[in-house]
Structure formats: structure tokens, C-alpha cells
Amino acid sequence: MVVGLQRTADESGLFPQPEVFEDWLLQTYRSVSDPWGSTYYYRIWADSFMVGSGGPDTVLRSDDDIRVTERRERGGRR
């Protein structure tokens, strides 16, 4: 998913905004849910972005959350 976000930014010059992230997920991956049925979440900052899910217990901000934070590459602007 991180690669897909970066690819979108490289191709369009923009990262998807959080308010359209679910639409982007559906178009790109045909699903908005992680393997445990929870919706992925996405945050974006000036220099980085994060994708995550509640993990196996489906509870956000617990020990088993899955999060990936990456620096934004040069091609993608906000």
C-alpha cells in the first residue's frame, strides 16, 4: 500500500488526501479493510505519511496495531 501511495504521487504529482483515501483504496486494491475486517487509516504530513490498521484485535492504539510511516519522496506533493 505504501508503494501504491508513492506511485500515485509520482504519477499525479499529489498524494491522495485523507478524505478520499477509502475511494483510493477501493480503486487501487478493491478493499478498504485489513485482513481482520477493520478499515485502514491514513495520515499525511508535510514530510511523511502513515498507513495503519487496528491489527488482529481491531482496536486502534493498542499494542498490536500495524503502522507504516514513510518519508514523502520528491515527486509527490501534498
N, C-alpha and C. Protein backbone atom coordinates (compact mmCIF):
# COMPACT_ATOMS: atom_id res chain seq x y z
N MET A 1 0.81 -1.18 0.00
CA MET A 1 0.00 0.00 0.00
C MET A 1 0.87 1.26 0.00
N VAL A 2 1.96 1.24 0.74
CA VAL A 2 2.88 2.37 0.76
C VAL A 2 3.43 2.60 -0.64
N VAL A 3 3.79 1.53 -1.32
CA VAL A 3 4.29 1.63 -2.69
C VAL A 3 3.21 2.21 -3.60
N GLY A 4 1.98 1.79 -3.43
CA GLY A 4 0.87 2.31 -4.23
C GLY A 4 0.65 3.79 -4.01
N LEU A 5 0.73 4.24 -2.77
CA LEU A 5 0.59 5.67 -2.48
C LEU A 5 1.70 6.47 -3.13
N GLN A 6 2.93 5.97 -3.02
CA GLN A 6 4.05 6.67 -3.63
C GLN A 6 3.92 6.69 -5.15
N ARG A 7 3.47 5.56 -5.74
CA ARG A 7 3.28 5.50 -7.18
C ARG A 7 2.23 6.53 -7.63
N THR A 8 1.13 6.63 -6.89
CA THR A 8 0.10 7.61 -7.22
C THR A 8 0.69 9.02 -7.17
N ALA A 9 1.49 9.29 -6.15
CA ALA A 9 2.12 10.61 -6.04
C ALA A 9 3.09 10.87 -7.18
N ASP A 10 3.85 9.85 -7.56
CA ASP A 10 4.79 10.00 -8.67
C ASP A 10 4.07 10.27 -9.98
N GLU A 11 2.96 9.57 -10.20
CA GLU A 11 2.22 9.69 -11.47
C GLU A 11 1.40 10.97 -11.54
N SER A 12 0.78 11.36 -10.43
CA SER A 12 -0.11 12.52 -10.47
C SER A 12 0.52 13.79 -9.90
N GLY A 13 1.63 13.64 -9.17
CA GLY A 13 2.24 14.78 -8.51
C GLY A 13 1.64 15.07 -7.15
N LEU A 14 0.65 14.27 -6.74
CA LEU A 14 -0.04 14.50 -5.47
C LEU A 14 -0.27 13.20 -4.73
N PHE A 15 -0.15 13.24 -3.42
CA PHE A 15 -0.60 12.11 -2.61
C PHE A 15 -2.11 12.21 -2.46
N PRO A 16 -2.81 11.09 -2.39
CA PRO A 16 -4.25 11.16 -2.10
C PRO A 16 -4.47 11.86 -0.76
N GLN A 17 -5.49 12.65 -0.67
CA GLN A 17 -5.81 13.29 0.60
C GLN A 17 -6.58 12.31 1.49
N PRO A 18 -6.49 12.44 2.81
CA PRO A 18 -7.15 11.50 3.71
C PRO A 18 -8.65 11.36 3.46
N GLU A 19 -9.31 12.42 3.06
CA GLU A 19 -10.77 12.35 2.86
C GLU A 19 -11.16 11.49 1.65
N VAL A 20 -10.23 11.22 0.75
CA VAL A 20 -10.52 10.36 -0.40
C VAL A 20 -9.74 9.04 -0.34
N PHE A 21 -9.11 8.76 0.81
CA PHE A 21 -8.29 7.56 0.95
C PHE A 21 -9.09 6.28 0.73
N GLU A 22 -10.30 6.19 1.29
CA GLU A 22 -11.11 4.99 1.10
C GLU A 22 -11.45 4.78 -0.37
N ASP A 23 -11.78 5.84 -1.08
CA ASP A 23 -12.04 5.73 -2.52
C ASP A 23 -10.80 5.26 -3.26
N TRP A 24 -9.64 5.82 -2.88
CA TRP A 24 -8.38 5.41 -3.49
C TRP A 24 -8.12 3.92 -3.24
N LEU A 25 -8.34 3.47 -2.00
CA LEU A 25 -8.16 2.05 -1.68
C LEU A 25 -9.06 1.17 -2.55
N LEU A 26 -10.32 1.55 -2.68
CA LEU A 26 -11.25 0.76 -3.50
C LEU A 26 -10.80 0.70 -4.95
N GLN A 27 -10.37 1.82 -5.49
CA GLN A 27 -9.92 1.85 -6.88
C GLN A 27 -8.63 1.07 -7.08
N THR A 28 -7.75 1.14 -6.11
CA THR A 28 -6.42 0.54 -6.25
C THR A 28 -6.38 -0.92 -5.81
N TYR A 29 -7.06 -1.23 -4.71
CA TYR A 29 -6.96 -2.57 -4.12
C TYR A 29 -8.30 -3.30 -3.99
N ARG A 30 -9.39 -2.61 -4.36
CA ARG A 30 -10.74 -3.19 -4.29
C ARG A 30 -11.18 -3.57 -2.89
N SER A 31 -10.57 -2.97 -1.88
CA SER A 31 -10.94 -3.22 -0.49
C SER A 31 -10.46 -2.06 0.37
N VAL A 32 -11.18 -1.78 1.43
CA VAL A 32 -10.75 -0.76 2.39
C VAL A 32 -10.37 -1.40 3.72
N SER A 33 -10.44 -2.73 3.78
CA SER A 33 -10.28 -3.43 5.05
C SER A 33 -8.99 -4.24 5.12
N ASP A 34 -8.46 -4.32 6.34
CA ASP A 34 -7.31 -5.18 6.60
C ASP A 34 -7.79 -6.63 6.72
N PRO A 35 -6.90 -7.59 6.90
CA PRO A 35 -7.31 -9.00 6.98
C PRO A 35 -8.26 -9.32 8.14
N TRP A 36 -8.36 -8.41 9.13
CA TRP A 36 -9.23 -8.65 10.28
C TRP A 36 -10.54 -7.88 10.18
N GLY A 37 -10.76 -7.23 9.03
CA GLY A 37 -12.03 -6.56 8.78
C GLY A 37 -12.12 -5.11 9.20
N SER A 38 -11.03 -4.54 9.68
CA SER A 38 -11.03 -3.12 10.06
C SER A 38 -10.59 -2.26 8.90
N THR A 39 -11.10 -1.05 8.84
CA THR A 39 -10.74 -0.11 7.79
C THR A 39 -9.34 0.45 8.05
N TYR A 40 -8.52 0.48 7.00
CA TYR A 40 -7.21 1.10 7.11
C TYR A 40 -7.37 2.59 7.36
N TYR A 41 -6.39 3.20 8.01
CA TYR A 41 -6.38 4.64 8.17
C TYR A 41 -5.10 5.21 7.57
N TYR A 42 -5.13 6.50 7.31
CA TYR A 42 -4.05 7.16 6.57
C TYR A 42 -3.89 8.57 7.12
N ARG A 43 -2.68 8.96 7.39
CA ARG A 43 -2.36 10.31 7.81
C ARG A 43 -1.26 10.83 6.89
N ILE A 44 -1.29 12.12 6.65
CA ILE A 44 -0.28 12.72 5.78
C ILE A 44 0.21 14.02 6.42
N TRP A 45 1.53 14.20 6.38
CA TRP A 45 2.16 15.41 6.90
C TRP A 45 3.02 16.00 5.80
N ALA A 46 3.62 17.13 6.06
CA ALA A 46 4.44 17.81 5.04
C ALA A 46 5.59 16.93 4.55
N ASP A 47 6.18 16.14 5.45
CA ASP A 47 7.37 15.38 5.08
C ASP A 47 7.19 13.87 5.11
N SER A 48 6.02 13.38 5.49
CA SER A 48 5.83 11.93 5.63
C SER A 48 4.35 11.57 5.57
N PHE A 49 4.09 10.26 5.52
CA PHE A 49 2.72 9.77 5.59
C PHE A 49 2.71 8.44 6.34
N MET A 50 1.54 8.06 6.85
CA MET A 50 1.40 6.84 7.61
C MET A 50 0.13 6.12 7.19
N VAL A 51 0.24 4.79 7.08
CA VAL A 51 -0.90 3.92 6.83
C VAL A 51 -0.94 2.92 7.99
N GLY A 52 -2.14 2.63 8.47
CA GLY A 52 -2.21 1.69 9.58
C GLY A 52 -3.55 1.00 9.67
N SER A 53 -3.60 0.04 10.61
CA SER A 53 -4.85 -0.65 10.92
C SER A 53 -4.81 -1.03 12.40
N GLY A 54 -5.95 -1.39 12.92
CA GLY A 54 -6.06 -1.79 14.32
C GLY A 54 -5.43 -3.13 14.62
N GLY A 55 -5.01 -3.86 13.61
CA GLY A 55 -4.37 -5.15 13.82
C GLY A 55 -5.36 -6.24 14.23
N PRO A 56 -4.85 -7.38 14.67
CA PRO A 56 -5.71 -8.53 14.97
C PRO A 56 -6.82 -8.26 16.00
N ASP A 57 -6.55 -7.39 17.00
CA ASP A 57 -7.61 -7.14 17.99
C ASP A 57 -8.60 -6.08 17.53
N THR A 58 -8.35 -5.46 16.38
CA THR A 58 -9.20 -4.45 15.73
C THR A 58 -9.38 -3.17 16.56
N VAL A 59 -8.58 -2.99 17.60
CA VAL A 59 -8.68 -1.82 18.46
C VAL A 59 -7.53 -0.87 18.12
N LEU A 60 -7.89 0.38 17.78
CA LEU A 60 -6.85 1.37 17.47
C LEU A 60 -6.09 1.75 18.72
N ARG A 61 -4.81 2.04 18.53
CA ARG A 61 -3.90 2.47 19.60
C ARG A 61 -3.66 1.38 20.65
N SER A 62 -3.65 0.14 20.21
CA SER A 62 -3.28 -0.95 21.11
C SER A 62 -1.94 -1.53 20.64
N ASP A 63 -1.40 -2.45 21.41
CA ASP A 63 -0.06 -2.96 21.14
C ASP A 63 0.10 -3.68 19.80
N ASP A 64 -0.99 -4.22 19.25
CA ASP A 64 -0.85 -4.99 18.02
C ASP A 64 -1.20 -4.20 16.76
N ASP A 65 -1.37 -2.89 16.89
CA ASP A 65 -1.63 -2.07 15.70
C ASP A 65 -0.51 -2.26 14.69
N ILE A 66 -0.88 -2.13 13.44
CA ILE A 66 0.09 -2.21 12.35
C ILE A 66 0.15 -0.83 11.71
N ARG A 67 1.34 -0.23 11.73
CA ARG A 67 1.52 1.11 11.16
C ARG A 67 2.82 1.14 10.37
N VAL A 68 2.76 1.83 9.25
CA VAL A 68 3.97 2.07 8.45
C VAL A 68 4.03 3.56 8.18
N THR A 69 5.13 4.17 8.54
CA THR A 69 5.36 5.58 8.28
C THR A 69 6.53 5.70 7.33
N GLU A 70 6.34 6.49 6.29
CA GLU A 70 7.38 6.68 5.27
C GLU A 70 7.56 8.17 4.99
N ARG A 71 8.78 8.53 4.64
CA ARG A 71 9.03 9.89 4.18
C ARG A 71 8.42 10.07 2.80
N ARG A 72 7.92 11.24 2.54
CA ARG A 72 7.39 11.54 1.22
C ARG A 72 8.54 11.78 0.26
N GLU A 73 8.49 11.11 -0.88
CA GLU A 73 9.53 11.26 -1.90
C GLU A 73 9.33 12.56 -2.65
N ARG A 74 10.31 12.95 -3.39
CA ARG A 74 10.30 14.25 -4.08
C ARG A 74 9.14 14.42 -5.05
N GLY A 75 8.73 13.37 -5.75
CA GLY A 75 7.72 13.52 -6.80
C GLY A 75 6.36 13.94 -6.28
N GLY A 76 5.98 13.42 -5.13
CA GLY A 76 4.63 13.68 -4.63
C GLY A 76 4.55 14.93 -3.78
N ARG A 77 3.67 15.81 -4.19
CA ARG A 77 3.39 16.99 -3.37
C ARG A 77 2.13 16.69 -2.59
N ARG A 78 1.75 17.59 -1.78
CA ARG A 78 0.55 17.45 -0.98
C ARG A 78 -0.64 17.58 -1.87
